[in-house]
Every structure is written in structure tokens, then in C-alpha cells.
Amino acid sequence: MQRRIQIDAEGDILAAQLDTLRAEVAAYRNKTRRLSDDYLDLDLLDEQTRDVLGYVRADEIVLR
């Protein structure tokens, strides 16, 4: 009986992790689609460029 309870608890944990991973995959697919050749989201491209490369416009002030 105790083993069954452990297995059920482990199953619940794994199901929650699976839900989290599915949400992450969906977010990555969305971002990938928005940066694809068929559909280019310029706002997302600008956001990614700033984040990854650290670009800043001349008229902006950066606070750290």
C-alpha cells in the first residue's frame, strides 16, 4: 500500500513536470514561428537583438 502511494505521488510530480515542459515547448514554437521567414515579428526581433547582443539606441538611457 505504501509503495502504491509513492508511485501515485511520483506520477503526480512527473505529470506536473510534463505540463511545464509542454508549456515551454509551446512558447519556443511560438517564438520560433514569430522569427521565421514566413512571419517576422519585428518587435520580437528587436527585443531579442537587444537582449542577446546588448544593443541600445542612441536616444535611450540604460539603468543598471
PDB file of N, CA and C in Angstrom:
ATOM      1  N   MET A   1       0.818  -1.194   0.000  1.00  0.00           N
ATOM      2  CA  MET A   1       0.000   0.000   0.000  1.00  0.00           C
ATOM      3  C   MET A   1       0.866   1.264   0.000  1.00  0.00           C
ATOM      4  N   GLN A   2       1.922   1.264   0.801  1.00  0.00           N
ATOM      5  CA  GLN A   2       2.793   2.431   0.871  1.00  0.00           C
ATOM      6  C   GLN A   2       3.488   2.668  -0.470  1.00  0.00           C
ATOM      7  N   ARG A   3       3.898   1.595  -1.112  1.00  0.00           N
ATOM      8  CA  ARG A   3       4.565   1.709  -2.414  1.00  0.00           C
ATOM      9  C   ARG A   3       3.626   2.329  -3.442  1.00  0.00           C
ATOM     10  N   ARG A   4       2.357   1.954  -3.378  1.00  0.00           N
ATOM     11  CA  ARG A   4       1.364   2.496  -4.304  1.00  0.00           C
ATOM     12  C   ARG A   4       1.213   4.002  -4.109  1.00  0.00           C
ATOM     13  N   ILE A   5       1.223   4.449  -2.876  1.00  0.00           N
ATOM     14  CA  ILE A   5       1.120   5.874  -2.570  1.00  0.00           C
ATOM     15  C   ILE A   5       2.336   6.617  -3.115  1.00  0.00           C
ATOM     16  N   GLN A   6       3.516   6.028  -2.974  1.00  0.00           N
ATOM     17  CA  GLN A   6       4.738   6.636  -3.502  1.00  0.00           C
ATOM     18  C   GLN A   6       4.683   6.751  -5.016  1.00  0.00           C
ATOM     19  N   ILE A   7       4.217   5.695  -5.656  1.00  0.00           N
ATOM     20  CA  ILE A   7       4.121   5.690  -7.121  1.00  0.00           C
ATOM     21  C   ILE A   7       3.123   6.744  -7.586  1.00  0.00           C
ATOM     22  N   ASP A   8       1.991   6.856  -6.911  1.00  0.00           N
ATOM     23  CA  ASP A   8       0.997   7.869  -7.268  1.00  0.00           C
ATOM     24  C   ASP A   8       1.560   9.279  -7.095  1.00  0.00           C
ATOM     25  N   ALA A   9       2.290   9.507  -6.002  1.00  0.00           N
ATOM     26  CA  ALA A   9       2.879  10.822  -5.760  1.00  0.00           C
ATOM     27  C   ALA A   9       3.923  11.151  -6.822  1.00  0.00           C
ATOM     28  N   GLU A  10       4.726  10.154  -7.159  1.00  0.00           N
ATOM     29  CA  GLU A  10       5.736  10.351  -8.207  1.00  0.00           C
ATOM     30  C   GLU A  10       5.076  10.630  -9.548  1.00  0.00           C
ATOM     31  N   GLY A  11       3.980   9.945  -9.819  1.00  0.00           N
ATOM     32  CA  GLY A  11       3.234  10.174 -11.059  1.00  0.00           C
ATOM     33  C   GLY A  11       2.687  11.588 -11.132  1.00  0.00           C
ATOM     34  N   ASP A  12       2.206  12.102  -9.995  1.00  0.00           N
ATOM     35  CA  ASP A  12       1.694  13.471  -9.954  1.00  0.00           C
ATOM     36  C   ASP A  12       2.814  14.480 -10.218  1.00  0.00           C
ATOM     37  N   ILE A  13       3.977  14.234  -9.641  1.00  0.00           N
ATOM     38  CA  ILE A  13       5.128  15.124  -9.851  1.00  0.00           C
ATOM     39  C   ILE A  13       5.541  15.109 -11.316  1.00  0.00           C
ATOM     40  N   LEU A  14       5.617  13.914 -11.890  1.00  0.00           N
ATOM     41  CA  LEU A  14       6.008  13.807 -13.292  1.00  0.00           C
ATOM     42  C   LEU A  14       4.979  14.441 -14.216  1.00  0.00           C
ATOM     43  N   ALA A  15       3.702  14.319 -13.885  1.00  0.00           N
ATOM     44  CA  ALA A  15       2.656  14.946 -14.699  1.00  0.00           C
ATOM     45  C   ALA A  15       2.787  16.466 -14.659  1.00  0.00           C
ATOM     46  N   ALA A  16       3.101  17.013 -13.489  1.00  0.00           N
ATOM     47  CA  ALA A  16       3.292  18.466 -13.371  1.00  0.00           C
ATOM     48  C   ALA A  16       4.512  18.913 -14.175  1.00  0.00           C
ATOM     49  N   GLN A  17       5.584  18.131 -14.114  1.00  0.00           N
ATOM     50  CA  GLN A  17       6.779  18.464 -14.894  1.00  0.00           C
ATOM     51  C   GLN A  17       6.488  18.403 -16.390  1.00  0.00           C
ATOM     52  N   LEU A  18       5.697  17.427 -16.798  1.00  0.00           N
ATOM     53  CA  LEU A  18       5.325  17.297 -18.207  1.00  0.00           C
ATOM     54  C   LEU A  18       4.516  18.510 -18.664  1.00  0.00           C
ATOM     55  N   ASP A  19       3.592  18.959 -17.831  1.00  0.00           N
ATOM     56  CA  ASP A  19       2.806  20.152 -18.174  1.00  0.00           C
ATOM     57  C   ASP A  19       3.707  21.374 -18.335  1.00  0.00           C
ATOM     58  N   THR A  20       4.668  21.513 -17.439  1.00  0.00           N
ATOM     59  CA  THR A  20       5.609  22.632 -17.514  1.00  0.00           C
ATOM     60  C   THR A  20       6.424  22.564 -18.801  1.00  0.00           C
ATOM     61  N   LEU A  21       6.920  21.386 -19.128  1.00  0.00           N
ATOM     62  CA  LEU A  21       7.714  21.221 -20.347  1.00  0.00           C
ATOM     63  C   LEU A  21       6.881  21.468 -21.596  1.00  0.00           C
ATOM     64  N   ARG A  22       5.642  21.040 -21.578  1.00  0.00           N
ATOM     65  CA  ARG A  22       4.763  21.291 -22.734  1.00  0.00           C
ATOM     66  C   ARG A  22       4.543  22.785 -22.929  1.00  0.00           C
ATOM     67  N   ALA A  23       4.380  23.512 -21.846  1.00  0.00           N
ATOM     68  CA  ALA A  23       4.201  24.964 -21.940  1.00  0.00           C
ATOM     69  C   ALA A  23       5.468  25.624 -22.483  1.00  0.00           C
ATOM     70  N   GLU A  24       6.633  25.162 -22.041  1.00  0.00           N
ATOM     71  CA  GLU A  24       7.900  25.705 -22.545  1.00  0.00           C
ATOM     72  C   GLU A  24       8.057  25.436 -24.034  1.00  0.00           C
ATOM     73  N   VAL A  25       7.729  24.218 -24.459  1.00  0.00           N
ATOM     74  CA  VAL A  25       7.830  23.860 -25.875  1.00  0.00           C
ATOM     75  C   VAL A  25       6.889  24.733 -26.702  1.00  0.00           C
ATOM     76  N   ALA A  26       5.685  24.942 -26.209  1.00  0.00           N
ATOM     77  CA  ALA A  26       4.722  25.795 -26.921  1.00  0.00           C
ATOM     78  C   ALA A  26       5.257  27.218 -27.049  1.00  0.00           C
ATOM     79  N   ALA A  27       5.865  27.726 -25.990  1.00  0.00           N
ATOM     80  CA  ALA A  27       6.421  29.087 -26.030  1.00  0.00           C
ATOM     81  C   ALA A  27       7.570  29.170 -27.037  1.00  0.00           C
ATOM     82  N   TYR A  28       8.439  28.161 -27.053  1.00  0.00           N
ATOM     83  CA  TYR A  28       9.553  28.156 -28.011  1.00  0.00           C
ATOM     84  C   TYR A  28       9.043  28.037 -29.440  1.00  0.00           C
ATOM     85  N   ARG A  29       8.032  27.211 -29.659  1.00  0.00           N
ATOM     86  CA  ARG A  29       7.460  27.083 -31.011  1.00  0.00           C
ATOM     87  C   ARG A  29       6.860  28.402 -31.468  1.00  0.00           C
ATOM     88  N   ASN A  30       6.168  29.078 -30.557  1.00  0.00           N
ATOM     89  CA  ASN A  30       5.580  30.375 -30.880  1.00  0.00           C
ATOM     90  C   ASN A  30       6.662  31.384 -31.243  1.00  0.00           C
ATOM     91  N   LYS A  31       7.712  31.437 -30.428  1.00  0.00           N
ATOM     92  CA  LYS A  31       8.798  32.387 -30.685  1.00  0.00           C
ATOM     93  C   LYS A  31       9.504  32.048 -32.001  1.00  0.00           C
ATOM     94  N   THR A  32       9.715  30.762 -32.255  1.00  0.00           N
ATOM     95  CA  THR A  32      10.356  30.331 -33.491  1.00  0.00           C
ATOM     96  C   THR A  32       9.515  30.719 -34.702  1.00  0.00           C
ATOM     97  N   ARG A  33       8.203  30.521 -34.599  1.00  0.00           N
ATOM     98  CA  ARG A  33       7.309  30.885 -35.698  1.00  0.00           C
ATOM     99  C   ARG A  33       7.342  32.390 -35.925  1.00  0.00           C
ATOM    100  N   ARG A  34       7.376  33.163 -34.849  1.00  0.00           N
ATOM    101  CA  ARG A  34       7.365  34.620 -34.960  1.00  0.00           C
ATOM    102  C   ARG A  34       8.673  35.173 -35.509  1.00  0.00           C
ATOM    103  N   LEU A  35       9.728  34.375 -35.512  1.00  0.00           N
ATOM    104  CA  LEU A  35      11.007  34.807 -36.078  1.00  0.00           C
ATOM    105  C   LEU A  35      11.346  34.064 -37.365  1.00  0.00           C
ATOM    106  N   SER A  36      10.363  33.396 -37.961  1.00  0.00           N
ATOM    107  CA  SER A  36      10.615  32.609 -39.168  1.00  0.00           C
ATOM    108  C   SER A  36      10.549  33.475 -40.421  1.00  0.00           C
ATOM    109  N   ASP A  37      10.927  32.889 -41.542  1.00  0.00           N
ATOM    110  CA  ASP A  37      10.889  33.594 -42.824  1.00  0.00           C
ATOM    111  C   ASP A  37       9.457  33.901 -43.259  1.00  0.00           C
ATOM    112  N   ASP A  38       8.515  33.029 -42.885  1.00  0.00           N
ATOM    113  CA  ASP A  38       7.122  33.213 -43.298  1.00  0.00           C
ATOM    114  C   ASP A  38       6.422  34.329 -42.530  1.00  0.00           C
ATOM    115  N   TYR A  39       6.860  34.553 -41.292  1.00  0.00           N
ATOM    116  CA  TYR A  39       6.211  35.542 -40.436  1.00  0.00           C
ATOM    117  C   TYR A  39       7.270  36.150 -39.535  1.00  0.00           C
ATOM    118  N   LEU A  40       7.542  37.412 -39.707  1.00  0.00           N
ATOM    119  CA  LEU A  40       8.599  38.055 -38.922  1.00  0.00           C
ATOM    120  C   LEU A  40       7.990  39.133 -38.033  1.00  0.00           C
ATOM    121  N   ASP A  41       8.071  38.928 -36.738  1.00  0.00           N
ATOM    122  CA  ASP A  41       7.589  39.881 -35.744  1.00  0.00           C
ATOM    123  C   ASP A  41       8.757  40.823 -35.419  1.00  0.00           C
ATOM    124  N   LEU A  42       8.701  42.028 -35.962  1.00  0.00           N
ATOM    125  CA  LEU A  42       9.808  42.968 -35.807  1.00  0.00           C
ATOM    126  C   LEU A  42      10.011  43.391 -34.355  1.00  0.00           C
ATOM    127  N   ASP A  43       8.940  43.474 -33.583  1.00  0.00           N
ATOM    128  CA  ASP A  43       9.079  43.816 -32.165  1.00  0.00           C
ATOM    129  C   ASP A  43       9.840  42.727 -31.411  1.00  0.00           C
ATOM    130  N   LEU A  44       9.520  41.475 -31.691  1.00  0.00           N
ATOM    131  CA  LEU A  44      10.229  40.371 -31.046  1.00  0.00           C
ATOM    132  C   LEU A  44      11.683  40.336 -31.501  1.00  0.00           C
ATOM    133  N   LEU A  45      11.916  40.577 -32.773  1.00  0.00           N
ATOM    134  CA  LEU A  45      13.281  40.616 -33.290  1.00  0.00           C
ATOM    135  C   LEU A  45      14.092  41.711 -32.590  1.00  0.00           C
ATOM    136  N   ASP A  46      13.495  42.870 -32.427  1.00  0.00           N
ATOM    137  CA  ASP A  46      14.155  43.974 -31.728  1.00  0.00           C
ATOM    138  C   ASP A  46      14.443  43.596 -30.272  1.00  0.00           C
ATOM    139  N   GLU A  47      13.470  42.991 -29.622  1.00  0.00           N
ATOM    140  CA  GLU A  47      13.643  42.561 -28.226  1.00  0.00           C
ATOM    141  C   GLU A  47      14.780  41.550 -28.094  1.00  0.00           C
ATOM    142  N   GLN A  48      14.819  40.567 -28.985  1.00  0.00           N
ATOM    143  CA  GLN A  48      15.858  39.546 -28.939  1.00  0.00           C
ATOM    144  C   GLN A  48      17.232  40.136 -29.233  1.00  0.00           C
ATOM    145  N   THR A  49      17.294  41.048 -30.185  1.00  0.00           N
ATOM    146  CA  THR A  49      18.563  41.690 -30.526  1.00  0.00           C
ATOM    147  C   THR A  49      19.110  42.460 -29.336  1.00  0.00           C
ATOM    148  N   ARG A  50      18.248  43.191 -28.673  1.00  0.00           N
ATOM    149  CA  ARG A  50      18.662  43.954 -27.506  1.00  0.00           C
ATOM    150  C   ARG A  50      19.122  43.034 -26.379  1.00  0.00           C
ATOM    151  N   ASP A  51      18.370  41.958 -26.160  1.00  0.00           N
ATOM    152  CA  ASP A  51      18.681  41.046 -25.070  1.00  0.00           C
ATOM    153  C   ASP A  51      19.974  40.276 -25.321  1.00  0.00           C
ATOM    154  N   VAL A  52      20.106  39.709 -26.489  1.00  0.00           N
ATOM    155  CA  VAL A  52      21.254  38.848 -26.791  1.00  0.00           C
ATOM    156  C   VAL A  52      22.516  39.655 -27.071  1.00  0.00           C
ATOM    157  N   LEU A  53      22.389  40.694 -27.879  1.00  0.00           N
ATOM    158  CA  LEU A  53      23.566  41.449 -28.300  1.00  0.00           C
ATOM    159  C   LEU A  53      23.816  42.704 -27.473  1.00  0.00           C
ATOM    160  N   GLY A  54      22.861  43.078 -26.639  1.00  0.00           N
ATOM    161  CA  GLY A  54      23.036  44.254 -25.801  1.00  0.00           C
ATOM    162  C   GLY A  54      22.925  45.562 -26.561  1.00  0.00           C
ATOM    163  N   TYR A  55      22.179  45.556 -27.662  1.00  0.00           N
ATOM    164  CA  TYR A  55      22.045  46.787 -28.444  1.00  0.00           C
ATOM    165  C   TYR A  55      21.166  47.800 -27.723  1.00  0.00           C
ATOM    166  N   VAL A  56      21.513  49.084 -27.877  1.00  0.00           N
ATOM    167  CA  VAL A  56      20.774  50.185 -27.307  1.00  0.00           C
ATOM    168  C   VAL A  56      20.742  51.295 -28.342  1.00  0.00           C
ATOM    169  N   ARG A  57      19.609  51.966 -28.457  1.00  0.00           N
ATOM    170  CA  ARG A  57      19.521  53.104 -29.375  1.00  0.00           C
ATOM    171  C   ARG A  57      20.239  54.301 -28.785  1.00  0.00           C
ATOM    172  N   ALA A  58      20.652  55.214 -29.639  1.00  0.00           N
ATOM    173  CA  ALA A  58      21.404  56.392 -29.210  1.00  0.00           C
ATOM    174  C   ALA A  58      20.589  57.288 -28.284  1.00  0.00           C
ATOM    175  N   ASP A  59      19.265  57.291 -28.437  1.00  0.00           N
ATOM    176  CA  ASP A  59      18.425  58.174 -27.634  1.00  0.00           C
ATOM    177  C   ASP A  59      17.911  57.517 -26.354  1.00  0.00           C
ATOM    178  N   GLU A  60      18.430  56.356 -25.990  1.00  0.00           N
ATOM    179  CA  GLU A  60      17.969  55.639 -24.797  1.00  0.00           C
ATOM    180  C   GLU A  60      18.976  55.771 -23.657  1.00  0.00           C
ATOM    181  N   ILE A  61      18.448  55.686 -22.454  1.00  0.00           N
ATOM    182  CA  ILE A  61      19.270  55.692 -21.253  1.00  0.00           C
ATOM    183  C   ILE A  61      19.143  54.317 -20.601  1.00  0.00           C
ATOM    184  N   VAL A  62      20.264  53.725 -20.270  1.00  0.00           N
ATOM    185  CA  VAL A  62      20.262  52.394 -19.662  1.00  0.00           C
ATOM    186  C   VAL A  62      20.595  52.511 -18.195  1.00  0.00           C
ATOM    187  N   LEU A  63      19.738  51.942 -17.358  1.00  0.00           N
ATOM    188  CA  LEU A  63      19.972  51.919 -15.918  1.00  0.00           C
ATOM    189  C   LEU A  63      20.362  50.511 -15.507  1.00  0.00           C
ATOM    190  N   ARG A  64      21.397  50.401 -14.707  1.00  0.00           N
ATOM    191  CA  ARG A  64      21.843  49.084 -14.243  1.00  0.00           C
ATOM    192  C   ARG A  64      21.841  49.011 -12.761  1.00  0.00           C
TER     193      ARG A  64
END
